[in-house]
């Protein structure tokens, strides 16, 4: 299982702790330190579309008007912090966020 996010993100930290407590073998990837490849970004955009960009974030509001109106790939490539977090890969399945639905799907009953 891989968690893509930011090491300083409280939601990523909660997800990581909960998954480790359940015995999941985790790899954590800070997308600032190790940006997503073009292939990964394309895969995530196909799966989640515009939901991959956190338009409520302070970082997104700080983008230039040109970048705000560009495609999600360009926005995340320019500013990885605007990616909705965490993004979790469990085998071939991808999950976005750490809401009740994601927790129910990943964590045992």
C-alpha atoms as a PDB file:
ATOM      1  CA  UNK A   1       0.000   0.000   0.000  1.00  0.00           C
ATOM      2  CA  UNK A   2       1.270   3.472  -0.887  1.00  0.00           C
ATOM      3  CA  UNK A   3       0.093   6.762   0.569  1.00  0.00           C
ATOM      4  CA  UNK A   4       0.781   9.819  -1.585  1.00  0.00           C
ATOM      5  CA  UNK A   5       0.599  13.071   0.329  1.00  0.00           C
ATOM      6  CA  UNK A   6       2.604  15.498   2.410  1.00  0.00           C
ATOM      7  CA  UNK A   7       4.532  14.523   5.520  1.00  0.00           C
ATOM      8  CA  UNK A   8       3.166  17.649   7.246  1.00  0.00           C
ATOM      9  CA  UNK A   9      -0.496  16.996   6.312  1.00  0.00           C
ATOM     10  CA  UNK A  10      -2.580  16.104   9.409  1.00  0.00           C
ATOM     11  CA  UNK A  11      -5.005  13.998   7.361  1.00  0.00           C
ATOM     12  CA  UNK A  12      -2.133  12.029   5.807  1.00  0.00           C
ATOM     13  CA  UNK A  13      -0.693  11.466   9.280  1.00  0.00           C
ATOM     14  CA  UNK A  14      -4.069  10.190  10.585  1.00  0.00           C
ATOM     15  CA  UNK A  15      -4.449   7.817   7.646  1.00  0.00           C
ATOM     16  CA  UNK A  16      -0.902   6.560   8.042  1.00  0.00           C
ATOM     17  CA  UNK A  17      -1.301   5.899  11.774  1.00  0.00           C
ATOM     18  CA  UNK A  18      -4.641   4.141  11.342  1.00  0.00           C
ATOM     19  CA  UNK A  19      -3.379   1.924   8.530  1.00  0.00           C
ATOM     20  CA  UNK A  20      -0.165   1.060  10.363  1.00  0.00           C
ATOM     21  CA  UNK A  21      -2.193   0.223  13.499  1.00  0.00           C
ATOM     22  CA  UNK A  22      -4.187  -2.264  11.397  1.00  0.00           C
ATOM     23  CA  UNK A  23      -0.962  -3.927  10.268  1.00  0.00           C
ATOM     24  CA  UNK A  24      -0.858  -2.643   6.676  1.00  0.00           C
ATOM     25  CA  UNK A  25       2.567  -2.621   5.058  1.00  0.00           C
ATOM     26  CA  UNK A  26       2.900   1.026   4.022  1.00  0.00           C
ATOM     27  CA  UNK A  27       5.132   3.144   1.883  1.00  0.00           C
ATOM     28  CA  UNK A  28       4.681   6.904   2.228  1.00  0.00           C
ATOM     29  CA  UNK A  29       5.563   9.263  -0.577  1.00  0.00           C
ATOM     30  CA  UNK A  30       5.774  12.985   0.017  1.00  0.00           C
ATOM     31  CA  UNK A  31       4.746  14.498  -3.325  1.00  0.00           C
ATOM     32  CA  UNK A  32       6.725  17.655  -2.612  1.00  0.00           C
ATOM     33  CA  UNK A  33       9.989  15.789  -2.085  1.00  0.00           C
ATOM     34  CA  UNK A  34       9.308  13.234  -4.832  1.00  0.00           C
ATOM     35  CA  UNK A  35       6.820  14.704  -7.355  1.00  0.00           C
ATOM     36  CA  UNK A  36       4.444  12.482  -9.267  1.00  0.00           C
ATOM     37  CA  UNK A  37       5.621  11.256 -12.652  1.00  0.00           C
ATOM     38  CA  UNK A  38       3.610  12.211 -15.743  1.00  0.00           C
ATOM     39  CA  UNK A  39       2.338   8.616 -15.915  1.00  0.00           C
ATOM     40  CA  UNK A  40       1.202   8.587 -12.281  1.00  0.00           C
ATOM     41  CA  UNK A  41      -0.453  11.962 -12.615  1.00  0.00           C
ATOM     42  CA  UNK A  42      -2.296  10.838 -15.758  1.00  0.00           C
ATOM     43  CA  UNK A  43      -3.501   7.671 -14.014  1.00  0.00           C
ATOM     44  CA  UNK A  44      -4.785   9.662 -11.032  1.00  0.00           C
ATOM     45  CA  UNK A  45      -6.516  12.231 -13.267  1.00  0.00           C
ATOM     46  CA  UNK A  46      -8.253   9.436 -15.202  1.00  0.00           C
ATOM     47  CA  UNK A  47      -9.467   7.955 -11.903  1.00  0.00           C
ATOM     48  CA  UNK A  48     -10.456  11.140 -10.032  1.00  0.00           C
ATOM     49  CA  UNK A  49     -10.625  13.964 -12.582  1.00  0.00           C
ATOM     50  CA  UNK A  50     -10.810  17.465 -11.133  1.00  0.00           C
ATOM     51  CA  UNK A  51     -11.379  16.069  -7.626  1.00  0.00           C
ATOM     52  CA  UNK A  52      -7.614  15.503  -7.529  1.00  0.00           C
ATOM     53  CA  UNK A  53      -7.155  19.280  -7.125  1.00  0.00           C
ATOM     54  CA  UNK A  54      -8.071  20.739  -3.719  1.00  0.00           C
ATOM     55  CA  UNK A  55      -9.674  24.024  -4.762  1.00  0.00           C
ATOM     56  CA  UNK A  56     -10.383  24.949  -1.134  1.00  0.00           C
ATOM     57  CA  UNK A  57      -6.703  25.076  -0.233  1.00  0.00           C
ATOM     58  CA  UNK A  58      -4.764  28.236   0.468  1.00  0.00           C
ATOM     59  CA  UNK A  59      -2.186  27.147  -2.109  1.00  0.00           C
ATOM     60  CA  UNK A  60      -4.790  26.845  -4.877  1.00  0.00           C
ATOM     61  CA  UNK A  61      -6.177  30.300  -4.123  1.00  0.00           C
ATOM     62  CA  UNK A  62      -2.625  31.616  -4.462  1.00  0.00           C
ATOM     63  CA  UNK A  63      -2.155  30.262  -7.998  1.00  0.00           C
ATOM     64  CA  UNK A  64      -2.037  32.700 -10.903  1.00  0.00           C
ATOM     65  CA  UNK A  65      -5.286  33.130 -12.841  1.00  0.00           C
ATOM     66  CA  UNK A  66      -3.670  31.436 -15.815  1.00  0.00           C
ATOM     67  CA  UNK A  67      -2.745  28.372 -13.744  1.00  0.00           C
ATOM     68  CA  UNK A  68      -6.171  28.256 -12.048  1.00  0.00           C
ATOM     69  CA  UNK A  69      -7.757  27.931 -15.477  1.00  0.00           C
ATOM     70  CA  UNK A  70      -5.285  25.330 -16.748  1.00  0.00           C
ATOM     71  CA  UNK A  71      -5.706  21.558 -16.577  1.00  0.00           C
ATOM     72  CA  UNK A  72      -5.363  19.689 -13.285  1.00  0.00           C
ATOM     73  CA  UNK A  73      -2.101  18.064 -14.461  1.00  0.00           C
ATOM     74  CA  UNK A  74      -0.439  21.451 -14.942  1.00  0.00           C
ATOM     75  CA  UNK A  75      -1.734  22.740 -11.612  1.00  0.00           C
ATOM     76  CA  UNK A  76      -0.407  19.761  -9.630  1.00  0.00           C
ATOM     77  CA  UNK A  77       2.867  19.663 -11.547  1.00  0.00           C
ATOM     78  CA  UNK A  78       3.415  23.349 -10.727  1.00  0.00           C
ATOM     79  CA  UNK A  79       2.256  23.126  -7.100  1.00  0.00           C
ATOM     80  CA  UNK A  80       2.116  19.553  -5.686  1.00  0.00           C
ATOM     81  CA  UNK A  81       0.610  20.833  -2.425  1.00  0.00           C
ATOM     82  CA  UNK A  82      -2.748  21.440  -4.144  1.00  0.00           C
ATOM     83  CA  UNK A  83      -3.336  17.718  -4.651  1.00  0.00           C
ATOM     84  CA  UNK A  84      -6.233  16.407  -2.583  1.00  0.00           C
ATOM     85  CA  UNK A  85      -4.711  14.228   0.124  1.00  0.00           C
ATOM     86  CA  UNK A  86      -4.132  11.516   0.956  1.00  0.00           C
ATOM     87  CA  UNK A  87      -4.219   9.464  -2.211  1.00  0.00           C
ATOM     88  CA  UNK A  88      -3.936   5.785  -1.301  1.00  0.00           C
ATOM     89  CA  UNK A  89      -3.011   2.937  -3.633  1.00  0.00           C
ATOM     90  CA  UNK A  90      -4.017  -0.519  -2.418  1.00  0.00           C
ATOM     91  CA  UNK A  91      -3.013  -2.941  -5.139  1.00  0.00           C
ATOM     92  CA  UNK A  92      -4.789  -1.720  -8.277  1.00  0.00           C
ATOM     93  CA  UNK A  93      -7.401   0.253  -6.321  1.00  0.00           C
ATOM     94  CA  UNK A  94      -7.052   3.987  -5.672  1.00  0.00           C
ATOM     95  CA  UNK A  95      -8.709   5.958  -2.875  1.00  0.00           C
ATOM     96  CA  UNK A  96      -8.807   9.737  -2.500  1.00  0.00           C
ATOM     97  CA  UNK A  97      -9.114  11.423   0.878  1.00  0.00           C
ATOM     98  CA  UNK A  98      -9.651   9.944   4.314  1.00  0.00           C
ATOM     99  CA  UNK A  99     -13.407  10.156   4.807  1.00  0.00           C
ATOM    100  CA  UNK A 100     -15.728   7.532   6.278  1.00  0.00           C
ATOM    101  CA  UNK A 101     -16.241   5.778   2.924  1.00  0.00           C
ATOM    102  CA  UNK A 102     -12.485   5.365   2.372  1.00  0.00           C
ATOM    103  CA  UNK A 103     -11.914   4.200   5.935  1.00  0.00           C
ATOM    104  CA  UNK A 104     -14.761   1.680   5.668  1.00  0.00           C
ATOM    105  CA  UNK A 105     -13.323   0.318   2.404  1.00  0.00           C
ATOM    106  CA  UNK A 106      -9.767  -0.057   3.735  1.00  0.00           C
ATOM    107  CA  UNK A 107     -10.040  -0.698   7.462  1.00  0.00           C
ATOM    108  CA  UNK A 108     -11.575  -3.905   8.777  1.00  0.00           C
ATOM    109  CA  UNK A 109     -14.981  -3.668  10.392  1.00  0.00           C
END
